[in-house]
């Protein structure tokens, strides 16, 4: 339900922005430092990447919206205590390397401090469409498909080039094994955006 509501809201915002004179859009790429907090997972940042598109629409001098559509890959690592923590369902021979691929939809509010600096904040929805992990037996999934979070950061605007940094706090428990332990995502992103229009 959350996924549908956020998708509809994003489409409405994109449709409204498309008809506007002040619309700008472009492509972006960033380094994504990702970690999972929770039992049995190593709680340290691992480096991944994101690539996608964005749109910007300012409905006043100060305020605007910035929807994005991004593809990201991350690689958290399981902890040495994973098998002990989940002895009834865990796979003791599981690889320590995990690769997760997400489609991510941030819907950010923009506040233009001046022509150089923009503050961004808003909700983010991520859908896990591919997971390369064998943490559980019988081909069961260890991670939930949906992850809802809150993103906040700042952008430096240089004509058509944007440099930004952002922090994303995951709110969803992405552990799909059981309810004993919670896994939540944390992300730090540093990247570049280029306006096409």
N, C-alpha and C. Protein backbone atom coordinates (compact mmCIF):
# COMPACT_ATOMS: atom_id res chain seq x y z
N UNK A 1 0.82 -1.20 0.00
CA UNK A 1 0.00 0.00 0.00
C UNK A 1 0.86 1.26 0.00
N UNK A 2 1.92 1.23 0.84
CA UNK A 2 2.82 2.38 0.89
C UNK A 2 3.49 2.60 -0.47
N UNK A 3 3.88 1.47 -1.11
CA UNK A 3 4.55 1.56 -2.40
C UNK A 3 3.63 2.19 -3.44
N UNK A 4 2.36 1.77 -3.46
CA UNK A 4 1.42 2.31 -4.43
C UNK A 4 1.18 3.80 -4.20
N UNK A 5 0.99 4.18 -2.94
CA UNK A 5 0.71 5.58 -2.62
C UNK A 5 1.87 6.48 -3.03
N UNK A 6 3.10 6.04 -2.72
CA UNK A 6 4.27 6.84 -3.06
C UNK A 6 4.46 6.93 -4.57
N UNK A 7 4.20 5.83 -5.28
CA UNK A 7 4.33 5.83 -6.74
C UNK A 7 3.32 6.78 -7.39
N UNK A 8 2.08 6.74 -6.89
CA UNK A 8 1.04 7.64 -7.42
C UNK A 8 1.41 9.10 -7.16
N UNK A 9 1.88 9.38 -5.95
CA UNK A 9 2.28 10.75 -5.61
C UNK A 9 3.42 11.22 -6.49
N UNK A 10 4.39 10.35 -6.74
CA UNK A 10 5.52 10.71 -7.60
C UNK A 10 5.06 10.99 -9.02
N UNK A 11 4.17 10.16 -9.55
CA UNK A 11 3.66 10.37 -10.91
C UNK A 11 2.87 11.67 -11.03
N UNK A 12 2.07 11.98 -10.02
CA UNK A 12 1.30 13.24 -10.03
C UNK A 12 2.25 14.44 -10.04
N UNK A 13 3.27 14.37 -9.20
CA UNK A 13 4.25 15.48 -9.15
C UNK A 13 5.00 15.62 -10.46
N UNK A 14 5.39 14.49 -11.07
CA UNK A 14 6.09 14.55 -12.35
C UNK A 14 5.19 15.11 -13.45
N UNK A 15 3.91 14.71 -13.44
CA UNK A 15 2.97 15.21 -14.45
C UNK A 15 2.75 16.71 -14.30
N UNK A 16 2.62 17.16 -13.05
CA UNK A 16 2.42 18.59 -12.80
C UNK A 16 3.66 19.38 -13.21
N UNK A 17 4.83 18.82 -12.89
CA UNK A 17 6.07 19.53 -13.20
C UNK A 17 6.34 19.59 -14.70
N UNK A 18 5.92 18.54 -15.42
CA UNK A 18 6.18 18.47 -16.86
C UNK A 18 5.50 19.62 -17.61
N UNK A 19 4.34 20.02 -17.12
CA UNK A 19 3.60 21.08 -17.80
C UNK A 19 4.08 22.47 -17.38
N UNK A 20 5.03 22.55 -16.50
CA UNK A 20 5.45 23.85 -15.98
C UNK A 20 6.63 24.40 -16.75
N UNK A 21 6.71 25.74 -16.76
CA UNK A 21 7.80 26.43 -17.45
C UNK A 21 9.13 26.25 -16.73
N UNK A 22 9.09 26.20 -15.40
CA UNK A 22 10.32 26.19 -14.62
C UNK A 22 10.89 24.81 -14.38
N UNK A 23 10.53 23.84 -15.19
CA UNK A 23 11.00 22.48 -15.00
C UNK A 23 12.44 22.32 -15.50
N UNK A 24 13.25 21.65 -14.68
CA UNK A 24 14.58 21.24 -15.09
C UNK A 24 14.71 19.75 -14.79
N UNK A 25 15.45 19.05 -15.64
CA UNK A 25 15.68 17.64 -15.36
C UNK A 25 17.08 17.27 -15.85
N UNK A 26 17.54 16.12 -15.35
CA UNK A 26 18.90 15.72 -15.72
C UNK A 26 19.23 14.33 -15.25
N UNK A 27 20.52 14.00 -15.31
CA UNK A 27 21.01 12.70 -14.89
C UNK A 27 21.95 12.89 -13.70
N UNK A 28 22.08 11.84 -12.89
CA UNK A 28 22.92 11.95 -11.71
C UNK A 28 23.58 10.62 -11.40
N UNK A 29 24.70 10.69 -10.71
CA UNK A 29 25.42 9.50 -10.27
C UNK A 29 26.08 9.82 -8.94
N UNK A 30 26.14 8.82 -8.06
CA UNK A 30 26.79 9.08 -6.78
C UNK A 30 27.44 7.83 -6.21
N UNK A 31 28.32 8.07 -5.25
CA UNK A 31 28.87 7.01 -4.42
C UNK A 31 27.92 6.85 -3.25
N UNK A 32 27.54 5.62 -2.99
CA UNK A 32 26.55 5.33 -1.95
C UNK A 32 27.20 4.46 -0.88
N UNK A 33 27.44 5.05 0.29
CA UNK A 33 27.98 4.29 1.42
C UNK A 33 26.81 3.76 2.22
N UNK A 34 26.70 2.43 2.27
CA UNK A 34 25.50 1.75 2.76
C UNK A 34 25.85 0.84 3.92
N UNK A 35 24.98 0.80 4.93
CA UNK A 35 25.15 -0.20 5.98
C UNK A 35 23.80 -0.64 6.51
N UNK A 36 23.80 -1.83 7.09
CA UNK A 36 22.64 -2.37 7.80
C UNK A 36 22.98 -2.39 9.27
N UNK A 37 22.07 -1.89 10.09
CA UNK A 37 22.21 -2.00 11.53
C UNK A 37 21.33 -3.14 12.01
N UNK A 38 21.91 -4.08 12.76
CA UNK A 38 21.11 -5.17 13.30
C UNK A 38 21.96 -6.37 13.65
N UNK A 39 21.35 -7.31 14.37
CA UNK A 39 22.06 -8.51 14.82
C UNK A 39 22.46 -9.39 13.65
N UNK A 40 23.69 -9.89 13.69
CA UNK A 40 24.18 -10.81 12.67
C UNK A 40 24.69 -10.15 11.41
N UNK A 41 24.60 -8.82 11.34
CA UNK A 41 25.08 -8.07 10.18
C UNK A 41 26.22 -7.17 10.63
N UNK A 42 27.30 -7.10 9.86
CA UNK A 42 28.40 -6.20 10.20
C UNK A 42 27.95 -4.76 10.04
N UNK A 43 28.02 -4.02 11.12
CA UNK A 43 27.51 -2.65 11.10
C UNK A 43 28.60 -1.67 10.69
N UNK A 44 29.03 -1.78 9.44
CA UNK A 44 29.98 -0.81 8.91
C UNK A 44 29.57 -0.47 7.48
N UNK A 45 30.00 0.68 7.01
CA UNK A 45 29.60 1.14 5.68
C UNK A 45 30.40 0.41 4.60
N UNK A 46 29.68 0.01 3.55
CA UNK A 46 30.33 -0.55 2.36
C UNK A 46 29.98 0.34 1.17
N UNK A 47 30.89 0.40 0.23
CA UNK A 47 30.74 1.33 -0.89
C UNK A 47 29.94 0.70 -2.03
N UNK A 48 28.97 1.46 -2.53
CA UNK A 48 28.18 1.06 -3.69
C UNK A 48 28.01 2.26 -4.61
N UNK A 49 27.11 2.15 -5.55
CA UNK A 49 26.89 3.25 -6.48
C UNK A 49 25.43 3.39 -6.87
N UNK A 50 25.07 4.57 -7.34
CA UNK A 50 23.70 4.82 -7.81
C UNK A 50 23.77 5.63 -9.11
N UNK A 51 22.79 5.40 -9.96
CA UNK A 51 22.70 6.10 -11.23
C UNK A 51 21.22 6.31 -11.54
N UNK A 52 20.88 7.51 -12.06
CA UNK A 52 19.47 7.73 -12.37
C UNK A 52 19.18 9.09 -12.94
N UNK A 53 17.92 9.47 -12.84
CA UNK A 53 17.44 10.74 -13.39
C UNK A 53 16.70 11.50 -12.29
N UNK A 54 16.58 12.80 -12.49
CA UNK A 54 15.88 13.63 -11.53
C UNK A 54 15.16 14.76 -12.26
N UNK A 55 14.19 15.35 -11.58
CA UNK A 55 13.50 16.54 -12.08
C UNK A 55 13.47 17.57 -10.96
N UNK A 56 13.52 18.84 -11.33
CA UNK A 56 13.44 19.93 -10.36
C UNK A 56 12.36 20.90 -10.81
N UNK A 57 11.49 21.24 -9.89
CA UNK A 57 10.47 22.25 -10.19
C UNK A 57 10.32 23.17 -8.98
N UNK A 58 10.69 24.44 -9.16
CA UNK A 58 10.53 25.44 -8.11
C UNK A 58 9.21 26.17 -8.32
N UNK A 59 8.30 26.05 -7.33
CA UNK A 59 7.02 26.73 -7.45
C UNK A 59 7.03 28.10 -6.80
N UNK A 60 8.17 28.49 -6.22
CA UNK A 60 8.40 29.86 -5.75
C UNK A 60 9.90 30.10 -5.78
N UNK A 61 10.31 31.28 -5.38
CA UNK A 61 11.74 31.59 -5.39
C UNK A 61 12.52 30.68 -4.44
N UNK A 62 11.90 30.30 -3.34
CA UNK A 62 12.58 29.52 -2.31
C UNK A 62 12.25 28.03 -2.33
N UNK A 63 11.01 27.69 -2.68
CA UNK A 63 10.53 26.32 -2.48
C UNK A 63 10.29 25.58 -3.78
N UNK A 64 10.51 24.27 -3.75
CA UNK A 64 10.26 23.45 -4.93
C UNK A 64 10.22 21.97 -4.59
N UNK A 65 10.07 21.14 -5.63
CA UNK A 65 10.04 19.69 -5.49
C UNK A 65 11.13 19.07 -6.35
N UNK A 66 11.65 17.92 -5.90
CA UNK A 66 12.68 17.22 -6.66
C UNK A 66 12.43 15.71 -6.59
N UNK A 67 11.63 15.17 -7.51
CA UNK A 67 11.49 13.70 -7.59
C UNK A 67 12.66 13.09 -8.34
N UNK A 68 13.01 11.86 -7.98
CA UNK A 68 14.13 11.16 -8.62
C UNK A 68 13.76 9.70 -8.86
N UNK A 69 14.41 9.10 -9.83
CA UNK A 69 14.28 7.67 -10.10
C UNK A 69 15.69 7.12 -10.26
N UNK A 70 16.10 6.21 -9.36
CA UNK A 70 17.49 5.79 -9.28
C UNK A 70 17.62 4.28 -9.23
N UNK A 71 18.71 3.79 -9.80
CA UNK A 71 19.11 2.39 -9.68
C UNK A 71 20.34 2.35 -8.78
N UNK A 72 20.32 1.49 -7.77
CA UNK A 72 21.47 1.42 -6.86
C UNK A 72 21.85 -0.02 -6.56
N UNK A 73 23.14 -0.21 -6.34
CA UNK A 73 23.67 -1.51 -5.91
C UNK A 73 24.45 -1.30 -4.62
N UNK A 74 24.21 -2.18 -3.66
CA UNK A 74 24.89 -2.10 -2.37
C UNK A 74 25.37 -3.49 -1.99
N UNK A 75 26.34 -3.54 -1.06
CA UNK A 75 26.94 -4.84 -0.71
C UNK A 75 27.25 -4.90 0.79
N UNK A 76 26.20 -5.02 1.63
CA UNK A 76 26.48 -5.23 3.06
C UNK A 76 27.09 -6.60 3.30
N UNK A 77 27.70 -6.78 4.46
CA UNK A 77 28.33 -8.07 4.78
C UNK A 77 27.66 -8.66 6.02
N UNK A 78 27.51 -9.99 5.99
CA UNK A 78 26.93 -10.64 7.16
C UNK A 78 28.00 -10.76 8.24
N UNK A 79 27.58 -10.82 9.49
CA UNK A 79 28.51 -10.97 10.60
C UNK A 79 28.88 -12.42 10.84
N UNK A 80 29.96 -12.64 11.61
CA UNK A 80 30.39 -14.00 11.93
C UNK A 80 29.39 -14.72 12.83
N UNK A 81 28.55 -13.93 13.53
CA UNK A 81 27.59 -14.52 14.46
C UNK A 81 26.25 -14.84 13.79
N UNK A 82 26.18 -14.72 12.46
CA UNK A 82 24.88 -14.91 11.80
C UNK A 82 24.31 -16.30 12.04
N UNK A 83 25.14 -17.33 11.83
CA UNK A 83 24.65 -18.69 12.01
C UNK A 83 24.23 -18.98 13.44
N UNK A 84 24.95 -18.40 14.41
CA UNK A 84 24.60 -18.61 15.80
C UNK A 84 23.30 -17.91 16.16
N UNK A 85 23.11 -16.72 15.63
CA UNK A 85 21.90 -15.95 15.93
C UNK A 85 20.67 -16.60 15.34
N UNK A 86 20.83 -17.19 14.14
CA UNK A 86 19.69 -17.74 13.43
C UNK A 86 19.88 -19.23 13.19
N UNK A 87 20.21 -19.96 14.26
CA UNK A 87 20.58 -21.36 14.09
C UNK A 87 19.43 -22.21 13.55
N UNK A 88 18.17 -21.79 13.78
CA UNK A 88 17.04 -22.58 13.29
C UNK A 88 16.75 -22.34 11.81
N UNK A 89 17.16 -21.18 11.30
CA UNK A 89 16.84 -20.87 9.91
C UNK A 89 18.06 -20.49 9.08
N UNK A 90 19.21 -20.25 9.72
CA UNK A 90 20.37 -19.76 9.00
C UNK A 90 21.11 -20.84 8.25
N UNK A 91 21.89 -20.39 7.28
CA UNK A 91 22.73 -21.28 6.50
C UNK A 91 24.17 -21.04 6.94
N UNK A 92 24.75 -22.00 7.67
CA UNK A 92 26.11 -21.83 8.20
C UNK A 92 27.15 -21.68 7.09
N UNK A 93 26.85 -22.14 5.88
CA UNK A 93 27.78 -22.04 4.76
C UNK A 93 27.50 -20.82 3.88
N UNK A 94 26.69 -19.90 4.38
CA UNK A 94 26.31 -18.73 3.58
C UNK A 94 27.54 -17.86 3.28
N UNK A 95 27.53 -17.26 2.09
CA UNK A 95 28.60 -16.33 1.74
C UNK A 95 28.53 -15.10 2.64
N UNK A 96 29.70 -14.54 2.92
CA UNK A 96 29.71 -13.30 3.70
C UNK A 96 29.35 -12.11 2.84
N UNK A 97 29.56 -12.22 1.54
CA UNK A 97 29.25 -11.13 0.63
C UNK A 97 27.77 -11.19 0.23
N UNK A 98 27.13 -10.05 0.27
CA UNK A 98 25.73 -9.91 -0.11
C UNK A 98 25.66 -8.78 -1.13
N UNK A 99 24.92 -8.96 -2.21
CA UNK A 99 24.72 -7.90 -3.19
C UNK A 99 23.23 -7.65 -3.36
N UNK A 100 22.82 -6.40 -3.15
CA UNK A 100 21.42 -6.01 -3.25
C UNK A 100 21.27 -4.92 -4.30
N UNK A 101 20.26 -5.05 -5.16
CA UNK A 101 19.99 -4.05 -6.19
C UNK A 101 18.59 -3.46 -5.97
N UNK A 102 18.53 -2.13 -5.93
CA UNK A 102 17.29 -1.43 -5.62
C UNK A 102 16.89 -0.47 -6.74
N UNK A 103 15.59 -0.28 -6.92
CA UNK A 103 15.04 0.87 -7.62
C UNK A 103 14.55 1.81 -6.54
N UNK A 104 15.02 3.05 -6.56
CA UNK A 104 14.75 3.99 -5.48
C UNK A 104 14.02 5.22 -5.99
N UNK A 105 13.01 5.65 -5.23
CA UNK A 105 12.19 6.81 -5.58
C UNK A 105 12.20 7.82 -4.44
N UNK A 106 13.14 8.77 -4.41
CA UNK A 106 13.06 9.86 -3.44
C UNK A 106 12.10 10.94 -3.95
N UNK A 107 11.34 11.53 -3.06
CA UNK A 107 10.48 12.68 -3.38
C UNK A 107 10.85 13.78 -2.40
N UNK A 108 11.70 14.71 -2.86
CA UNK A 108 12.33 15.67 -1.96
C UNK A 108 11.72 17.06 -2.08
N UNK A 109 11.58 17.70 -0.95
CA UNK A 109 11.24 19.12 -0.92
C UNK A 109 12.52 19.91 -1.04
N UNK A 110 12.49 20.96 -1.86
CA UNK A 110 13.67 21.81 -2.08
C UNK A 110 13.48 23.15 -1.38
N UNK A 111 14.54 23.61 -0.70
CA UNK A 111 14.56 24.96 -0.16
C UNK A 111 15.82 25.64 -0.67
N UNK A 112 15.66 26.66 -1.51
CA UNK A 112 16.79 27.37 -2.10
C UNK A 112 17.24 28.49 -1.16
N UNK A 113 18.35 28.25 -0.46
CA UNK A 113 18.90 29.26 0.44
C UNK A 113 19.32 30.47 -0.36
N UNK A 114 19.99 30.23 -1.48
CA UNK A 114 20.38 31.25 -2.45
C UNK A 114 20.63 30.53 -3.78
N UNK A 115 21.25 31.20 -4.73
CA UNK A 115 21.48 30.55 -6.04
C UNK A 115 22.47 29.40 -5.95
N UNK A 116 23.33 29.41 -4.95
CA UNK A 116 24.36 28.39 -4.83
C UNK A 116 23.91 27.17 -4.02
N UNK A 117 23.16 27.38 -2.94
CA UNK A 117 22.88 26.32 -1.97
C UNK A 117 21.39 25.96 -1.95
N UNK A 118 21.11 24.66 -2.05
CA UNK A 118 19.75 24.14 -1.91
C UNK A 118 19.74 23.05 -0.85
N UNK A 119 18.76 23.12 0.06
CA UNK A 119 18.56 22.08 1.06
C UNK A 119 17.46 21.15 0.57
N UNK A 120 17.68 19.83 0.67
CA UNK A 120 16.71 18.83 0.23
C UNK A 120 16.31 17.93 1.40
N UNK A 121 15.04 17.59 1.48
CA UNK A 121 14.57 16.64 2.50
C UNK A 121 13.25 16.04 2.06
N UNK A 122 13.02 14.77 2.42
CA UNK A 122 11.76 14.14 2.09
C UNK A 122 11.82 12.63 2.19
N UNK A 123 10.70 11.98 1.88
CA UNK A 123 10.63 10.51 1.96
C UNK A 123 11.34 9.83 0.79
N UNK A 124 11.74 8.60 1.02
CA UNK A 124 12.36 7.80 -0.03
C UNK A 124 11.82 6.38 0.05
N UNK A 125 11.42 5.84 -1.09
CA UNK A 125 10.97 4.45 -1.17
C UNK A 125 11.94 3.66 -2.04
N UNK A 126 12.36 2.50 -1.54
CA UNK A 126 13.26 1.63 -2.30
C UNK A 126 12.64 0.25 -2.45
N UNK A 127 12.73 -0.29 -3.67
CA UNK A 127 12.22 -1.63 -3.96
C UNK A 127 13.39 -2.54 -4.32
N UNK A 128 13.56 -3.60 -3.56
CA UNK A 128 14.62 -4.58 -3.79
C UNK A 128 14.18 -5.53 -4.90
N UNK A 129 14.76 -5.37 -6.11
CA UNK A 129 14.35 -6.22 -7.22
C UNK A 129 15.32 -7.37 -7.48
N UNK A 130 16.51 -7.32 -6.85
CA UNK A 130 17.45 -8.42 -7.03
C UNK A 130 18.32 -8.53 -5.78
N UNK A 131 18.45 -9.74 -5.26
CA UNK A 131 19.30 -9.98 -4.10
C UNK A 131 20.16 -11.20 -4.36
N UNK A 132 21.48 -11.02 -4.31
CA UNK A 132 22.42 -12.13 -4.46
C UNK A 132 22.92 -12.49 -3.06
N UNK A 133 22.20 -13.38 -2.40
CA UNK A 133 22.57 -13.82 -1.05
C UNK A 133 22.01 -15.21 -0.83
N UNK A 134 22.68 -15.98 0.03
CA UNK A 134 22.20 -17.32 0.36
C UNK A 134 22.22 -17.50 1.88
N UNK A 135 21.71 -16.49 2.59
CA UNK A 135 21.75 -16.52 4.05
C UNK A 135 20.86 -17.61 4.63
N UNK A 136 19.78 -17.94 3.92
CA UNK A 136 18.83 -18.93 4.43
C UNK A 136 18.83 -20.18 3.55
N UNK A 137 18.36 -21.27 4.12
CA UNK A 137 18.20 -22.50 3.35
C UNK A 137 16.88 -22.49 2.58
N UNK A 138 16.73 -23.40 1.64
CA UNK A 138 15.51 -23.59 0.85
C UNK A 138 15.17 -22.36 0.01
N UNK A 139 16.19 -21.60 -0.40
CA UNK A 139 16.01 -20.44 -1.28
C UNK A 139 15.06 -19.38 -0.71
N UNK A 140 14.98 -19.30 0.59
CA UNK A 140 14.14 -18.26 1.21
C UNK A 140 14.86 -16.92 1.18
N UNK A 141 14.09 -15.84 1.11
CA UNK A 141 14.66 -14.49 1.10
C UNK A 141 14.93 -14.01 2.52
N UNK A 142 16.08 -13.38 2.71
CA UNK A 142 16.41 -12.82 4.02
C UNK A 142 15.98 -11.37 4.15
N UNK A 143 15.75 -10.69 3.00
CA UNK A 143 15.45 -9.27 3.01
C UNK A 143 14.07 -8.98 2.44
N UNK A 144 13.35 -8.07 3.09
CA UNK A 144 12.07 -7.62 2.57
C UNK A 144 12.28 -6.79 1.30
N UNK A 145 11.28 -6.78 0.45
CA UNK A 145 11.38 -6.07 -0.82
C UNK A 145 11.28 -4.56 -0.66
N UNK A 146 10.50 -4.08 0.30
CA UNK A 146 10.24 -2.64 0.43
C UNK A 146 11.05 -2.04 1.58
N UNK A 147 11.56 -0.85 1.34
CA UNK A 147 12.28 -0.10 2.37
C UNK A 147 11.90 1.36 2.26
N UNK A 148 11.29 1.90 3.32
CA UNK A 148 10.90 3.30 3.36
C UNK A 148 11.87 4.04 4.28
N UNK A 149 12.32 5.21 3.83
CA UNK A 149 13.25 5.99 4.64
C UNK A 149 13.01 7.48 4.50
N UNK A 150 13.85 8.25 5.19
CA UNK A 150 13.81 9.70 5.13
C UNK A 150 15.19 10.19 4.71
N UNK A 151 15.21 11.05 3.69
CA UNK A 151 16.47 11.58 3.15
C UNK A 151 16.60 13.06 3.45
N UNK A 152 17.82 13.51 3.71
CA UNK A 152 18.08 14.94 3.91
C UNK A 152 19.51 15.24 3.48
N UNK A 153 19.70 16.41 2.87
CA UNK A 153 21.04 16.79 2.43
C UNK A 153 21.08 18.17 1.84
N UNK A 154 22.17 18.48 1.18
CA UNK A 154 22.38 19.80 0.59
C UNK A 154 23.01 19.66 -0.79
N UNK A 155 22.72 20.63 -1.66
CA UNK A 155 23.23 20.64 -3.03
C UNK A 155 23.90 21.98 -3.30
N UNK A 156 25.07 21.92 -3.96
CA UNK A 156 25.73 23.13 -4.47
C UNK A 156 25.45 23.22 -5.97
N UNK A 157 24.90 24.33 -6.42
CA UNK A 157 24.47 24.50 -7.81
C UNK A 157 25.47 25.36 -8.57
N UNK A 158 26.08 24.78 -9.62
CA UNK A 158 27.01 25.50 -10.48
C UNK A 158 26.48 25.44 -11.92
N UNK A 159 25.63 26.38 -12.28
CA UNK A 159 25.04 26.42 -13.61
C UNK A 159 24.35 25.08 -13.90
N UNK A 160 24.85 24.26 -14.83
CA UNK A 160 24.18 22.99 -15.12
C UNK A 160 24.68 21.85 -14.24
N UNK A 161 25.76 22.06 -13.48
CA UNK A 161 26.35 21.02 -12.65
C UNK A 161 25.91 21.19 -11.19
N UNK A 162 25.57 20.07 -10.56
CA UNK A 162 25.19 20.06 -9.14
C UNK A 162 26.07 19.07 -8.39
N UNK A 163 26.53 19.47 -7.22
CA UNK A 163 27.29 18.59 -6.34
C UNK A 163 26.48 18.46 -5.05
N UNK A 164 26.25 17.25 -4.61
CA UNK A 164 25.36 17.08 -3.46
C UNK A 164 25.88 16.03 -2.49
N UNK A 165 25.40 16.14 -1.25
CA UNK A 165 25.64 15.14 -0.21
C UNK A 165 24.31 14.92 0.50
N UNK A 166 24.06 13.65 0.88
CA UNK A 166 22.76 13.30 1.44
C UNK A 166 22.91 12.15 2.43
N UNK A 167 22.06 12.16 3.45
CA UNK A 167 21.99 11.05 4.40
C UNK A 167 20.58 10.47 4.36
N UNK A 168 20.48 9.15 4.35
CA UNK A 168 19.17 8.48 4.30
C UNK A 168 19.05 7.56 5.51
N UNK A 169 18.01 7.78 6.29
CA UNK A 169 17.72 6.99 7.48
C UNK A 169 16.58 6.03 7.15
N UNK A 170 16.87 4.72 7.14
CA UNK A 170 15.84 3.73 6.86
C UNK A 170 14.91 3.57 8.06
N UNK A 171 13.61 3.53 7.79
CA UNK A 171 12.61 3.38 8.85
C UNK A 171 12.02 1.97 8.91
N UNK A 172 12.17 1.21 7.83
CA UNK A 172 11.57 -0.12 7.73
C UNK A 172 12.51 -1.19 8.27
N UNK A 173 11.96 -2.15 8.97
CA UNK A 173 12.73 -3.34 9.34
C UNK A 173 12.79 -4.24 8.11
N UNK A 174 13.96 -4.36 7.49
CA UNK A 174 14.08 -5.12 6.24
C UNK A 174 14.41 -6.60 6.47
N UNK A 175 14.45 -7.03 7.73
CA UNK A 175 14.68 -8.43 8.06
C UNK A 175 13.42 -9.23 7.72
N UNK A 176 13.53 -10.15 6.77
CA UNK A 176 12.39 -10.98 6.37
C UNK A 176 12.49 -12.39 6.92
N UNK A 177 13.40 -12.60 7.88
CA UNK A 177 13.58 -13.94 8.45
C UNK A 177 12.55 -14.19 9.55
N UNK A 178 12.54 -13.28 10.54
CA UNK A 178 11.58 -13.39 11.64
C UNK A 178 11.51 -12.04 12.33
N UNK A 179 10.81 -11.99 13.46
CA UNK A 179 10.61 -10.73 14.18
C UNK A 179 11.54 -10.55 15.36
N UNK A 180 12.53 -11.43 15.50
CA UNK A 180 13.39 -11.34 16.68
C UNK A 180 14.35 -10.16 16.62
N UNK A 181 14.85 -9.85 15.43
CA UNK A 181 15.85 -8.80 15.29
C UNK A 181 15.47 -7.86 14.17
N UNK A 182 15.80 -6.59 14.34
CA UNK A 182 15.49 -5.60 13.31
C UNK A 182 16.76 -5.23 12.55
N UNK A 183 16.64 -5.15 11.22
CA UNK A 183 17.70 -4.64 10.37
C UNK A 183 17.18 -3.36 9.72
N UNK A 184 17.93 -2.28 9.86
CA UNK A 184 17.53 -1.01 9.25
C UNK A 184 18.70 -0.44 8.46
N UNK A 185 18.38 0.19 7.34
CA UNK A 185 19.40 0.70 6.44
C UNK A 185 19.83 2.11 6.83
N UNK A 186 21.09 2.40 6.53
CA UNK A 186 21.65 3.75 6.69
C UNK A 186 22.49 4.01 5.44
N UNK A 187 22.39 5.22 4.86
CA UNK A 187 23.13 5.53 3.64
C UNK A 187 23.70 6.95 3.69
N UNK A 188 24.92 7.09 3.20
CA UNK A 188 25.54 8.40 2.98
C UNK A 188 25.89 8.47 1.51
N UNK A 189 25.44 9.53 0.84
CA UNK A 189 25.63 9.65 -0.61
C UNK A 189 26.34 10.97 -0.95
N UNK A 190 27.29 10.87 -1.86
CA UNK A 190 27.99 12.04 -2.39
C UNK A 190 28.01 11.88 -3.90
N UNK A 191 27.53 12.90 -4.63
CA UNK A 191 27.44 12.71 -6.07
C UNK A 191 27.33 13.97 -6.89
N UNK A 192 27.14 13.75 -8.18
CA UNK A 192 27.05 14.82 -9.17
C UNK A 192 25.76 14.67 -9.97
N UNK A 193 25.15 15.82 -10.31
CA UNK A 193 24.01 15.85 -11.21
C UNK A 193 24.28 16.84 -12.33
N UNK A 194 23.78 16.53 -13.52
CA UNK A 194 23.95 17.42 -14.67
C UNK A 194 22.60 17.70 -15.27
N UNK A 195 22.23 18.98 -15.36
CA UNK A 195 20.96 19.36 -16.00
C UNK A 195 21.03 19.13 -17.50
N UNK A 196 20.02 18.46 -18.05
CA UNK A 196 19.88 18.32 -19.49
C UNK A 196 19.03 19.47 -20.03
N UNK A 197 18.05 19.89 -19.25
CA UNK A 197 17.18 21.02 -19.60
C UNK A 197 17.07 21.98 -18.42
